[in-house]
Each structure stands twice: as C-alpha cells, then as structure tokens.
C-alpha atoms as a PDB file:
ATOM      1  CA  UNK A   1       5.999  -4.670  11.728  1.00  0.00           C
ATOM      2  CA  UNK A   2       6.646  -0.983  12.147  1.00  0.00           C
ATOM      3  CA  UNK A   3       7.193   0.952  15.411  1.00  0.00           C
ATOM      4  CA  UNK A   4       3.536   1.526  16.276  1.00  0.00           C
ATOM      5  CA  UNK A   5       2.672   1.699  19.944  1.00  0.00           C
ATOM      6  CA  UNK A   6      -0.218   2.734  22.037  1.00  0.00           C
ATOM      7  CA  UNK A   7      -0.313   5.472  24.563  1.00  0.00           C
ATOM      8  CA  UNK A   8      -0.940   4.268  28.119  1.00  0.00           C
ATOM      9  CA  UNK A   9      -4.398   5.860  27.964  1.00  0.00           C
ATOM     10  CA  UNK A  10      -5.407   4.168  24.702  1.00  0.00           C
ATOM     11  CA  UNK A  11      -4.148   0.795  25.890  1.00  0.00           C
ATOM     12  CA  UNK A  12      -6.141   1.236  29.191  1.00  0.00           C
ATOM     13  CA  UNK A  13      -9.253   1.986  27.063  1.00  0.00           C
ATOM     14  CA  UNK A  14      -8.769  -1.130  25.027  1.00  0.00           C
ATOM     15  CA  UNK A  15      -8.235  -3.281  28.098  1.00  0.00           C
ATOM     16  CA  UNK A  16     -11.304  -1.782  29.756  1.00  0.00           C
ATOM     17  CA  UNK A  17     -13.302  -3.217  26.875  1.00  0.00           C
ATOM     18  CA  UNK A  18     -12.661  -6.643  28.319  1.00  0.00           C
ATOM     19  CA  UNK A  19     -11.001  -8.154  25.200  1.00  0.00           C
ATOM     20  CA  UNK A  20      -8.417 -10.860  25.723  1.00  0.00           C
ATOM     21  CA  UNK A  21      -6.003  -9.761  23.088  1.00  0.00           C
ATOM     22  CA  UNK A  22      -2.325  -8.788  23.464  1.00  0.00           C
ATOM     23  CA  UNK A  23      -1.560  -5.218  22.664  1.00  0.00           C
ATOM     24  CA  UNK A  24       0.433  -6.515  19.638  1.00  0.00           C
ATOM     25  CA  UNK A  25      -2.786  -7.958  18.157  1.00  0.00           C
ATOM     26  CA  UNK A  26      -4.276  -4.489  17.874  1.00  0.00           C
ATOM     27  CA  UNK A  27      -1.059  -3.094  16.472  1.00  0.00           C
ATOM     28  CA  UNK A  28      -0.946  -5.952  13.962  1.00  0.00           C
ATOM     29  CA  UNK A  29      -4.476  -5.163  12.695  1.00  0.00           C
ATOM     30  CA  UNK A  30      -3.593  -1.468  12.298  1.00  0.00           C
ATOM     31  CA  UNK A  31      -0.397  -2.370  10.472  1.00  0.00           C
ATOM     32  CA  UNK A  32      -2.373  -4.798   8.225  1.00  0.00           C
ATOM     33  CA  UNK A  33      -4.815  -2.013   7.353  1.00  0.00           C
ATOM     34  CA  UNK A  34      -1.915   0.313   6.344  1.00  0.00           C
ATOM     35  CA  UNK A  35      -0.374  -2.624   4.357  1.00  0.00           C
ATOM     36  CA  UNK A  36      -3.646  -3.084   2.471  1.00  0.00           C
ATOM     37  CA  UNK A  37      -4.079   0.634   1.879  1.00  0.00           C
ATOM     38  CA  UNK A  38      -0.567   0.888   0.507  1.00  0.00           C
ATOM     39  CA  UNK A  39      -1.495  -1.663  -2.175  1.00  0.00           C
ATOM     40  CA  UNK A  40      -4.608   0.091  -3.361  1.00  0.00           C
ATOM     41  CA  UNK A  41      -4.641   2.699  -6.164  1.00  0.00           C
ATOM     42  CA  UNK A  42      -6.404   5.071  -3.739  1.00  0.00           C
ATOM     43  CA  UNK A  43      -7.199   4.877  -0.040  1.00  0.00           C
ATOM     44  CA  UNK A  44     -10.725   3.638   0.469  1.00  0.00           C
ATOM     45  CA  UNK A  45     -12.951   1.825   2.888  1.00  0.00           C
ATOM     46  CA  UNK A  46     -12.216  -1.931   2.940  1.00  0.00           C
ATOM     47  CA  UNK A  47     -14.612  -4.766   3.717  1.00  0.00           C
ATOM     48  CA  UNK A  48     -14.206  -7.128   6.645  1.00  0.00           C
ATOM     49  CA  UNK A  49     -13.463  -9.932   4.167  1.00  0.00           C
ATOM     50  CA  UNK A  50     -10.758  -7.905   2.399  1.00  0.00           C
ATOM     51  CA  UNK A  51      -9.165  -7.025   5.756  1.00  0.00           C
ATOM     52  CA  UNK A  52      -9.310 -10.615   7.089  1.00  0.00           C
ATOM     53  CA  UNK A  53      -7.424 -11.927   3.949  1.00  0.00           C
ATOM     54  CA  UNK A  54      -5.016  -9.029   4.164  1.00  0.00           C
ATOM     55  CA  UNK A  55      -4.286  -9.932   7.781  1.00  0.00           C
ATOM     56  CA  UNK A  56      -3.490 -13.487   6.696  1.00  0.00           C
ATOM     57  CA  UNK A  57      -1.152 -12.230   3.903  1.00  0.00           C
ATOM     58  CA  UNK A  58       0.509  -9.683   6.107  1.00  0.00           C
ATOM     59  CA  UNK A  59       1.078 -12.247   8.862  1.00  0.00           C
ATOM     60  CA  UNK A  60       2.751 -14.606   6.370  1.00  0.00           C
ATOM     61  CA  UNK A  61       4.844 -11.816   5.010  1.00  0.00           C
ATOM     62  CA  UNK A  62       5.998 -10.779   8.516  1.00  0.00           C
ATOM     63  CA  UNK A  63       6.281 -14.145  10.305  1.00  0.00           C
ATOM     64  CA  UNK A  64       6.485 -16.797   7.622  1.00  0.00           C
ATOM     65  CA  UNK A  65       5.752 -20.311   8.891  1.00  0.00           C
ATOM     66  CA  UNK A  66       5.337 -18.954  12.363  1.00  0.00           C
ATOM     67  CA  UNK A  67       2.414 -16.721  11.352  1.00  0.00           C
ATOM     68  CA  UNK A  68      -0.335 -18.846  12.930  1.00  0.00           C
ATOM     69  CA  UNK A  69       1.647 -19.373  16.105  1.00  0.00           C
ATOM     70  CA  UNK A  70       2.365 -15.666  16.542  1.00  0.00           C
ATOM     71  CA  UNK A  71      -1.290 -14.688  15.967  1.00  0.00           C
ATOM     72  CA  UNK A  72      -2.576 -17.361  18.338  1.00  0.00           C
ATOM     73  CA  UNK A  73      -0.027 -16.224  20.994  1.00  0.00           C
ATOM     74  CA  UNK A  74      -1.715 -12.733  20.753  1.00  0.00           C
ATOM     75  CA  UNK A  75      -5.205 -14.312  21.054  1.00  0.00           C
ATOM     76  CA  UNK A  76      -6.061 -14.296  17.284  1.00  0.00           C
ATOM     77  CA  UNK A  77      -7.344 -17.800  16.534  1.00  0.00           C
ATOM     78  CA  UNK A  78     -10.115 -17.129  14.067  1.00  0.00           C
ATOM     79  CA  UNK A  79     -11.174 -14.401  11.666  1.00  0.00           C
ATOM     80  CA  UNK A  80     -13.908 -13.556  14.193  1.00  0.00           C
ATOM     81  CA  UNK A  81     -11.125 -12.355  16.467  1.00  0.00           C
ATOM     82  CA  UNK A  82     -10.028  -9.934  13.842  1.00  0.00           C
ATOM     83  CA  UNK A  83     -13.575  -8.437  13.819  1.00  0.00           C
ATOM     84  CA  UNK A  84     -13.595  -8.033  17.577  1.00  0.00           C
ATOM     85  CA  UNK A  85     -10.247  -6.279  17.389  1.00  0.00           C
ATOM     86  CA  UNK A  86     -11.408  -3.931  14.617  1.00  0.00           C
ATOM     87  CA  UNK A  87     -14.616  -3.011  16.426  1.00  0.00           C
ATOM     88  CA  UNK A  88     -12.665  -2.508  19.704  1.00  0.00           C
ATOM     89  CA  UNK A  89     -10.450  -0.036  17.785  1.00  0.00           C
ATOM     90  CA  UNK A  90     -13.671   1.683  16.519  1.00  0.00           C
ATOM     91  CA  UNK A  91     -14.926   1.869  19.999  1.00  0.00           C
ATOM     92  CA  UNK A  92     -11.803   3.768  21.179  1.00  0.00           C
ATOM     93  CA  UNK A  93     -11.915   6.063  18.116  1.00  0.00           C
ATOM     94  CA  UNK A  94      -8.872   4.728  16.206  1.00  0.00           C
ATOM     95  CA  UNK A  95     -11.012   3.346  13.285  1.00  0.00           C
ATOM     96  CA  UNK A  96     -14.288   4.366  11.786  1.00  0.00           C
ATOM     97  CA  UNK A  97     -16.959   2.290  10.094  1.00  0.00           C
ATOM     98  CA  UNK A  98     -19.357   2.757   7.233  1.00  0.00           C
ATOM     99  CA  UNK A  99     -23.127   2.181   7.555  1.00  0.00           C
ATOM    100  CA  UNK A 100     -23.748  -1.535   7.301  1.00  0.00           C
ATOM    101  CA  UNK A 101     -20.294  -2.620   8.654  1.00  0.00           C
ATOM    102  CA  UNK A 102     -20.698  -5.313  11.254  1.00  0.00           C
ATOM    103  CA  UNK A 103     -18.347  -7.427  13.404  1.00  0.00           C
ATOM    104  CA  UNK A 104     -19.953 -10.438  11.824  1.00  0.00           C
ATOM    105  CA  UNK A 105     -18.439  -9.415   8.449  1.00  0.00           C
ATOM    106  CA  UNK A 106     -15.252 -11.091   9.637  1.00  0.00           C
ATOM    107  CA  UNK A 107     -16.871 -14.353  10.771  1.00  0.00           C
ATOM    108  CA  UNK A 108     -15.641 -17.547   9.167  1.00  0.00           C
ATOM    109  CA  UNK A 109     -13.715 -16.011   6.335  1.00  0.00           C
ATOM    110  CA  UNK A 110     -11.068 -18.749   6.443  1.00  0.00           C
ATOM    111  CA  UNK A 111      -9.891 -21.604   8.660  1.00  0.00           C
ATOM    112  CA  UNK A 112      -6.529 -20.815  10.244  1.00  0.00           C
ATOM    113  CA  UNK A 113      -5.201 -24.395   9.994  1.00  0.00           C
ATOM    114  CA  UNK A 114      -5.861 -24.316   6.224  1.00  0.00           C
ATOM    115  CA  UNK A 115      -4.782 -20.762   5.658  1.00  0.00           C
ATOM    116  CA  UNK A 116      -1.489 -21.160   7.580  1.00  0.00           C
ATOM    117  CA  UNK A 117      -1.050 -24.877   7.282  1.00  0.00           C
ATOM    118  CA  UNK A 118       1.745 -26.945   5.789  1.00  0.00           C
ATOM    119  CA  UNK A 119       0.087 -26.992   2.336  1.00  0.00           C
ATOM    120  CA  UNK A 120       0.636 -23.271   2.023  1.00  0.00           C
ATOM    121  CA  UNK A 121       3.499 -22.242  -0.340  1.00  0.00           C
ATOM    122  CA  UNK A 122       5.601 -19.799   1.654  1.00  0.00           C
ATOM    123  CA  UNK A 123       7.302 -16.862  -0.065  1.00  0.00           C
ATOM    124  CA  UNK A 124      10.943 -17.781  -0.683  1.00  0.00           C
ATOM    125  CA  UNK A 125      10.222 -21.447  -0.661  1.00  0.00           C
ATOM    126  CA  UNK A 126      12.071 -23.423  -3.424  1.00  0.00           C
ATOM    127  CA  UNK A 127       9.867 -23.710  -6.467  1.00  0.00           C
ATOM    128  CA  UNK A 128       8.261 -20.209  -6.081  1.00  0.00           C
END
C-alpha cells in the first residue's frame, strides 16, 4: 500500500464516530478506491458491490494468502464492514456519495472464508 496517512485531527474524527476499525482499515479502503479508479477508462462513481470486490482483489494483490488475516486484524470481517468504513469516510468529508447510495449496498457481497479461502488461486501460484 502507498504512504497514505491521516492527520491527527482526521483520525480523531474517525475515532469519535465509534467505529472499531484500525486506522489502516480506512487507509486500505481509500487505497482500494484509487486502485479501482486506476483500472477504469475514466474516473467515475463506483457502486458498493464494485468496491467490495475491488477491496478483495486489492487485498489479495497486497497481502496474498494473508489477505483475510490482515483485514480481520484491522476489524474487517465482512463486506458490511467495508460499507461502515466507506460511510465513516463520507461522514468526515473524505468521500462523497451519490443519491441512493446506502451502507447496505456493501452487505453480504461475498463470504470472506470463500473469497480468501484455500480454494482461491493466488497470483504467482504454479499453474497460473
């Protein structure tokens, strides 16, 4: 992941929201958004489902077989958590939403055990 970091004021505002996520969880979501945008022909609004799947892909790219463990260490255990993080970032003014965007758009997009499980073919694994 890149060298993103929050100012002390921004971090205090995120913590005041009562979320239980590590600072790196917020930074990971912001980096995932940038990763997704860099793969699009033109920057645009993305759906909760698109972002949830991108977070999965970006985690695998960054952390390989440890992706699920790393995300869980930061408090991200379900796609619902990604929605909470996104909307916390909206609340402090780092992201914006479109009419109709809801935190629930992230709910149940995939099961972490299946998405990051042993059956997944990891980049660089023999046979790829």
